[in-house]
Amino acid sequence: MKVIPLPDQNVLQYIPQRAPVVMIDELLSSEGGITITRLTVREDNLFIKDNYFTESGLMENIAQTAAAGVGYAFAQQEAPVPPGFIGALKNFKVERLPKVGEQLLTSVEILQEVFEITLIKGEVKSSSGEVLASTEMKIVLKK
């Protein structure tokens, strides 16, 4: 796995989101159709309820991991990063909501690309490797 450690502010060059909606801290790897990010769940996060990171936060974390992978790929080609949005969600499953203070590792794998639509498989794990959430998403790029 190719590791690309980036400080928080550099992640913003690969994703369209801005505070307070940024749900990834670091882009760890983006190679071979697989992107991995890290997020530390903080109490001031927009998606915190009763000291837990909500389902919506997990979903957005997966989507932003996908966006970071696309953004990184376009940046390597010195091309402008296209905006994208979630077109569909399938089999979204939450095993456990993470608590404030937990560190999340999120991986996104590209399963299929057809024109501007990309089908991805996303998985959020705790730092101990426990699977917290998983889903498939269709991401639509606006070119």
C-alpha atoms as a PDB file:
ATOM      1  CA  MET A   1       0.000   0.000   0.000  1.00  0.00           C
ATOM      2  CA  LYS A   2       1.294   3.427  -0.967  1.00  0.00           C
ATOM      3  CA  VAL A   3       0.983   5.782   2.016  1.00  0.00           C
ATOM      4  CA  ILE A   4       0.535   9.479   1.329  1.00  0.00           C
ATOM      5  CA  PRO A   5       0.505  11.305   4.684  1.00  0.00           C
ATOM      6  CA  LEU A   6      -1.107  14.711   4.316  1.00  0.00           C
ATOM      7  CA  PRO A   7      -1.798  17.332   6.966  1.00  0.00           C
ATOM      8  CA  ASP A   8      -5.434  18.359   7.459  1.00  0.00           C
ATOM      9  CA  GLN A   9      -5.336  21.467   5.269  1.00  0.00           C
ATOM     10  CA  ASN A  10      -3.975  19.517   2.280  1.00  0.00           C
ATOM     11  CA  VAL A  11      -6.954  17.141   2.273  1.00  0.00           C
ATOM     12  CA  LEU A  12      -9.080  20.112   1.230  1.00  0.00           C
ATOM     13  CA  GLN A  13      -7.404  20.259  -2.181  1.00  0.00           C
ATOM     14  CA  TYR A  14      -8.957  16.898  -3.051  1.00  0.00           C
ATOM     15  CA  ILE A  15     -12.520  17.330  -1.762  1.00  0.00           C
ATOM     16  CA  PRO A  16     -15.175  19.998  -2.361  1.00  0.00           C
ATOM     17  CA  GLN A  17     -16.399  20.075   1.262  1.00  0.00           C
ATOM     18  CA  ARG A  18     -15.350  22.772   3.695  1.00  0.00           C
ATOM     19  CA  ALA A  19     -15.734  23.208   7.449  1.00  0.00           C
ATOM     20  CA  PRO A  20     -17.837  22.287   9.268  1.00  0.00           C
ATOM     21  CA  VAL A  21     -18.651  19.420   6.883  1.00  0.00           C
ATOM     22  CA  VAL A  22     -15.153  17.937   6.374  1.00  0.00           C
ATOM     23  CA  MET A  23     -15.306  14.304   7.554  1.00  0.00           C
ATOM     24  CA  ILE A  24     -11.745  13.139   6.822  1.00  0.00           C
ATOM     25  CA  ASP A  25      -8.494  14.239   8.459  1.00  0.00           C
ATOM     26  CA  GLU A  26      -5.889  12.487   6.335  1.00  0.00           C
ATOM     27  CA  LEU A  27      -5.560  10.770   2.986  1.00  0.00           C
ATOM     28  CA  LEU A  28      -3.432   7.724   3.789  1.00  0.00           C
ATOM     29  CA  SER A  29      -3.467   5.907   0.464  1.00  0.00           C
ATOM     30  CA  SER A  30      -4.954   6.164  -3.012  1.00  0.00           C
ATOM     31  CA  GLU A  31      -3.750   3.570  -5.463  1.00  0.00           C
ATOM     32  CA  GLY A  32      -5.168   0.833  -7.665  1.00  0.00           C
ATOM     33  CA  GLY A  33      -8.788   1.913  -7.204  1.00  0.00           C
ATOM     34  CA  ILE A  34      -8.596   1.797  -3.398  1.00  0.00           C
ATOM     35  CA  THR A  35      -8.534   4.905  -1.206  1.00  0.00           C
ATOM     36  CA  ILE A  36      -7.975   4.942   2.564  1.00  0.00           C
ATOM     37  CA  THR A  37      -8.559   7.894   4.900  1.00  0.00           C
ATOM     38  CA  ARG A  38      -8.383   8.529   8.623  1.00  0.00           C
ATOM     39  CA  LEU A  39     -10.730  10.549  10.846  1.00  0.00           C
ATOM     40  CA  THR A  40     -10.582  11.190  14.567  1.00  0.00           C
ATOM     41  CA  VAL A  41     -14.125  11.704  15.855  1.00  0.00           C
ATOM     42  CA  ARG A  42     -14.219  14.988  17.742  1.00  0.00           C
ATOM     43  CA  GLU A  43     -16.956  16.304  20.012  1.00  0.00           C
ATOM     44  CA  ASP A  44     -17.425  19.442  17.882  1.00  0.00           C
ATOM     45  CA  ASN A  45     -18.162  17.347  14.758  1.00  0.00           C
ATOM     46  CA  LEU A  46     -21.391  18.315  13.017  1.00  0.00           C
ATOM     47  CA  PHE A  47     -22.584  14.689  13.093  1.00  0.00           C
ATOM     48  CA  ILE A  48     -22.227  14.043  16.842  1.00  0.00           C
ATOM     49  CA  LYS A  49     -25.328  13.139  18.835  1.00  0.00           C
ATOM     50  CA  ASP A  50     -25.158  12.013  22.471  1.00  0.00           C
ATOM     51  CA  ASN A  51     -21.369  11.546  22.212  1.00  0.00           C
ATOM     52  CA  TYR A  52     -21.643   9.237  19.139  1.00  0.00           C
ATOM     53  CA  PHE A  53     -20.825   9.786  15.456  1.00  0.00           C
ATOM     54  CA  THR A  54     -24.154   9.288  13.664  1.00  0.00           C
ATOM     55  CA  GLU A  55     -25.124   7.153  10.679  1.00  0.00           C
ATOM     56  CA  SER A  56     -25.188  10.288   8.505  1.00  0.00           C
ATOM     57  CA  GLY A  57     -21.630  11.059   9.565  1.00  0.00           C
ATOM     58  CA  LEU A  58     -20.467   7.553   8.631  1.00  0.00           C
ATOM     59  CA  MET A  59     -22.166   7.863   5.243  1.00  0.00           C
ATOM     60  CA  GLU A  60     -20.560  11.263   4.606  1.00  0.00           C
ATOM     61  CA  ASN A  61     -17.172   9.915   5.726  1.00  0.00           C
ATOM     62  CA  ILE A  62     -17.383   7.157   3.104  1.00  0.00           C
ATOM     63  CA  ALA A  63     -18.506   9.612   0.400  1.00  0.00           C
ATOM     64  CA  GLN A  64     -15.656  12.010   1.213  1.00  0.00           C
ATOM     65  CA  THR A  65     -13.162   9.153   1.121  1.00  0.00           C
ATOM     66  CA  ALA A  66     -14.393   8.401  -2.408  1.00  0.00           C
ATOM     67  CA  ALA A  67     -14.131  12.109  -3.271  1.00  0.00           C
ATOM     68  CA  ALA A  68     -10.568  12.255  -1.926  1.00  0.00           C
ATOM     69  CA  GLY A  69      -9.562   9.339  -4.154  1.00  0.00           C
ATOM     70  CA  VAL A  70     -11.067  10.978  -7.240  1.00  0.00           C
ATOM     71  CA  GLY A  71      -9.590  14.343  -6.297  1.00  0.00           C
ATOM     72  CA  TYR A  72      -6.148  12.857  -5.784  1.00  0.00           C
ATOM     73  CA  ALA A  73      -6.296  11.037  -9.153  1.00  0.00           C
ATOM     74  CA  PHE A  74      -7.300  14.228 -10.986  1.00  0.00           C
ATOM     75  CA  ALA A  75      -4.629  16.258  -9.168  1.00  0.00           C
ATOM     76  CA  GLN A  76      -1.947  13.755 -10.281  1.00  0.00           C
ATOM     77  CA  GLN A  77      -3.020  14.461 -13.869  1.00  0.00           C
ATOM     78  CA  GLU A  78      -2.976  18.208 -13.139  1.00  0.00           C
ATOM     79  CA  ALA A  79      -6.671  18.327 -14.042  1.00  0.00           C
ATOM     80  CA  PRO A  80      -9.367  20.259 -12.169  1.00  0.00           C
ATOM     81  CA  VAL A  81     -11.173  18.192  -9.544  1.00  0.00           C
ATOM     82  CA  PRO A  82     -14.813  17.687 -10.602  1.00  0.00           C
ATOM     83  CA  PRO A  83     -17.586  18.003  -8.008  1.00  0.00           C
ATOM     84  CA  GLY A  84     -19.600  14.873  -7.290  1.00  0.00           C
ATOM     85  CA  PHE A  85     -22.584  13.709  -5.306  1.00  0.00           C
ATOM     86  CA  ILE A  86     -24.129  10.514  -3.995  1.00  0.00           C
ATOM     87  CA  GLY A  87     -26.456   9.130  -6.664  1.00  0.00           C
ATOM     88  CA  ALA A  88     -27.628   6.030  -4.787  1.00  0.00           C
ATOM     89  CA  LEU A  89     -26.932   4.062  -1.630  1.00  0.00           C
ATOM     90  CA  LYS A  90     -27.237   0.288  -1.307  1.00  0.00           C
ATOM     91  CA  ASN A  91     -26.904  -2.095   1.651  1.00  0.00           C
ATOM     92  CA  PHE A  92     -25.886   0.576   4.168  1.00  0.00           C
ATOM     93  CA  LYS A  93     -25.156  -1.354   7.343  1.00  0.00           C
ATOM     94  CA  VAL A  94     -24.008   0.040  10.674  1.00  0.00           C
ATOM     95  CA  GLU A  95     -22.555  -2.458  13.131  1.00  0.00           C
ATOM     96  CA  ARG A  96     -21.768   0.115  15.809  1.00  0.00           C
ATOM     97  CA  LEU A  97     -21.625   3.891  16.093  1.00  0.00           C
ATOM     98  CA  PRO A  98     -18.180   5.217  17.028  1.00  0.00           C
ATOM     99  CA  LYS A  99     -17.749   7.351  20.138  1.00  0.00           C
ATOM    100  CA  VAL A 100     -16.066  10.719  20.399  1.00  0.00           C
ATOM    101  CA  GLY A 101     -12.299  10.183  20.531  1.00  0.00           C
ATOM    102  CA  GLU A 102     -12.240   7.093  18.319  1.00  0.00           C
ATOM    103  CA  GLN A 103     -10.071   6.992  15.230  1.00  0.00           C
ATOM    104  CA  LEU A 104     -11.681   5.684  12.047  1.00  0.00           C
ATOM    105  CA  LEU A 105     -10.008   4.150   9.010  1.00  0.00           C
ATOM    106  CA  THR A 106     -12.227   4.280   5.957  1.00  0.00           C
ATOM    107  CA  SER A 107     -11.569   2.416   2.732  1.00  0.00           C
ATOM    108  CA  VAL A 108     -13.308   2.839  -0.590  1.00  0.00           C
ATOM    109  CA  GLU A 109     -12.840   0.465  -3.497  1.00  0.00           C
ATOM    110  CA  ILE A 110     -13.971   1.311  -7.023  1.00  0.00           C
ATOM    111  CA  LEU A 111     -16.076  -1.588  -8.293  1.00  0.00           C
ATOM    112  CA  GLN A 112     -17.175  -0.155 -11.635  1.00  0.00           C
ATOM    113  CA  GLU A 113     -16.989   3.067 -13.642  1.00  0.00           C
ATOM    114  CA  VAL A 114     -19.444   3.918 -16.416  1.00  0.00           C
ATOM    115  CA  PHE A 115     -19.256   7.420 -17.895  1.00  0.00           C
ATOM    116  CA  GLU A 116     -19.724   9.845 -14.964  1.00  0.00           C
ATOM    117  CA  ILE A 117     -21.072   7.183 -12.568  1.00  0.00           C
ATOM    118  CA  THR A 118     -18.768   5.250 -10.252  1.00  0.00           C
ATOM    119  CA  LEU A 119     -19.915   2.320  -8.118  1.00  0.00           C
ATOM    120  CA  ILE A 120     -17.895   2.028  -4.920  1.00  0.00           C
ATOM    121  CA  LYS A 121     -17.768  -0.249  -1.901  1.00  0.00           C
ATOM    122  CA  GLY A 122     -17.021   1.579   1.334  1.00  0.00           C
ATOM    123  CA  GLU A 123     -16.078   0.319   4.775  1.00  0.00           C
ATOM    124  CA  VAL A 124     -15.392   2.150   8.029  1.00  0.00           C
ATOM    125  CA  LYS A 125     -13.270   0.409  10.672  1.00  0.00           C
ATOM    126  CA  SER A 126     -12.128   1.348  14.136  1.00  0.00           C
ATOM    127  CA  SER A 127      -8.382   1.640  14.706  1.00  0.00           C
ATOM    128  CA  SER A 128      -8.535  -1.890  16.179  1.00  0.00           C
ATOM    129  CA  GLY A 129      -9.902  -3.248  12.875  1.00  0.00           C
ATOM    130  CA  GLU A 130     -13.534  -3.668  13.956  1.00  0.00           C
ATOM    131  CA  VAL A 131     -15.931  -3.048  11.046  1.00  0.00           C
ATOM    132  CA  LEU A 132     -18.289  -0.245  12.049  1.00  0.00           C
ATOM    133  CA  ALA A 133     -20.166   0.418   8.797  1.00  0.00           C
ATOM    134  CA  SER A 134     -20.258  -0.656   5.168  1.00  0.00           C
ATOM    135  CA  THR A 135     -22.157   0.216   2.021  1.00  0.00           C
ATOM    136  CA  GLU A 136     -22.150   0.473  -1.737  1.00  0.00           C
ATOM    137  CA  MET A 137     -22.649   3.895  -3.317  1.00  0.00           C
ATOM    138  CA  LYS A 138     -23.090   5.248  -6.770  1.00  0.00           C
ATOM    139  CA  ILE A 139     -21.120   8.459  -7.048  1.00  0.00           C
ATOM    140  CA  VAL A 140     -21.965  10.827  -9.905  1.00  0.00           C
ATOM    141  CA  LEU A 141     -19.251  13.212 -11.118  1.00  0.00           C
ATOM    142  CA  LYS A 142     -20.274  16.522 -12.634  1.00  0.00           C
ATOM    143  CA  LYS A 143     -17.789  17.149 -15.442  1.00  0.00           C
END
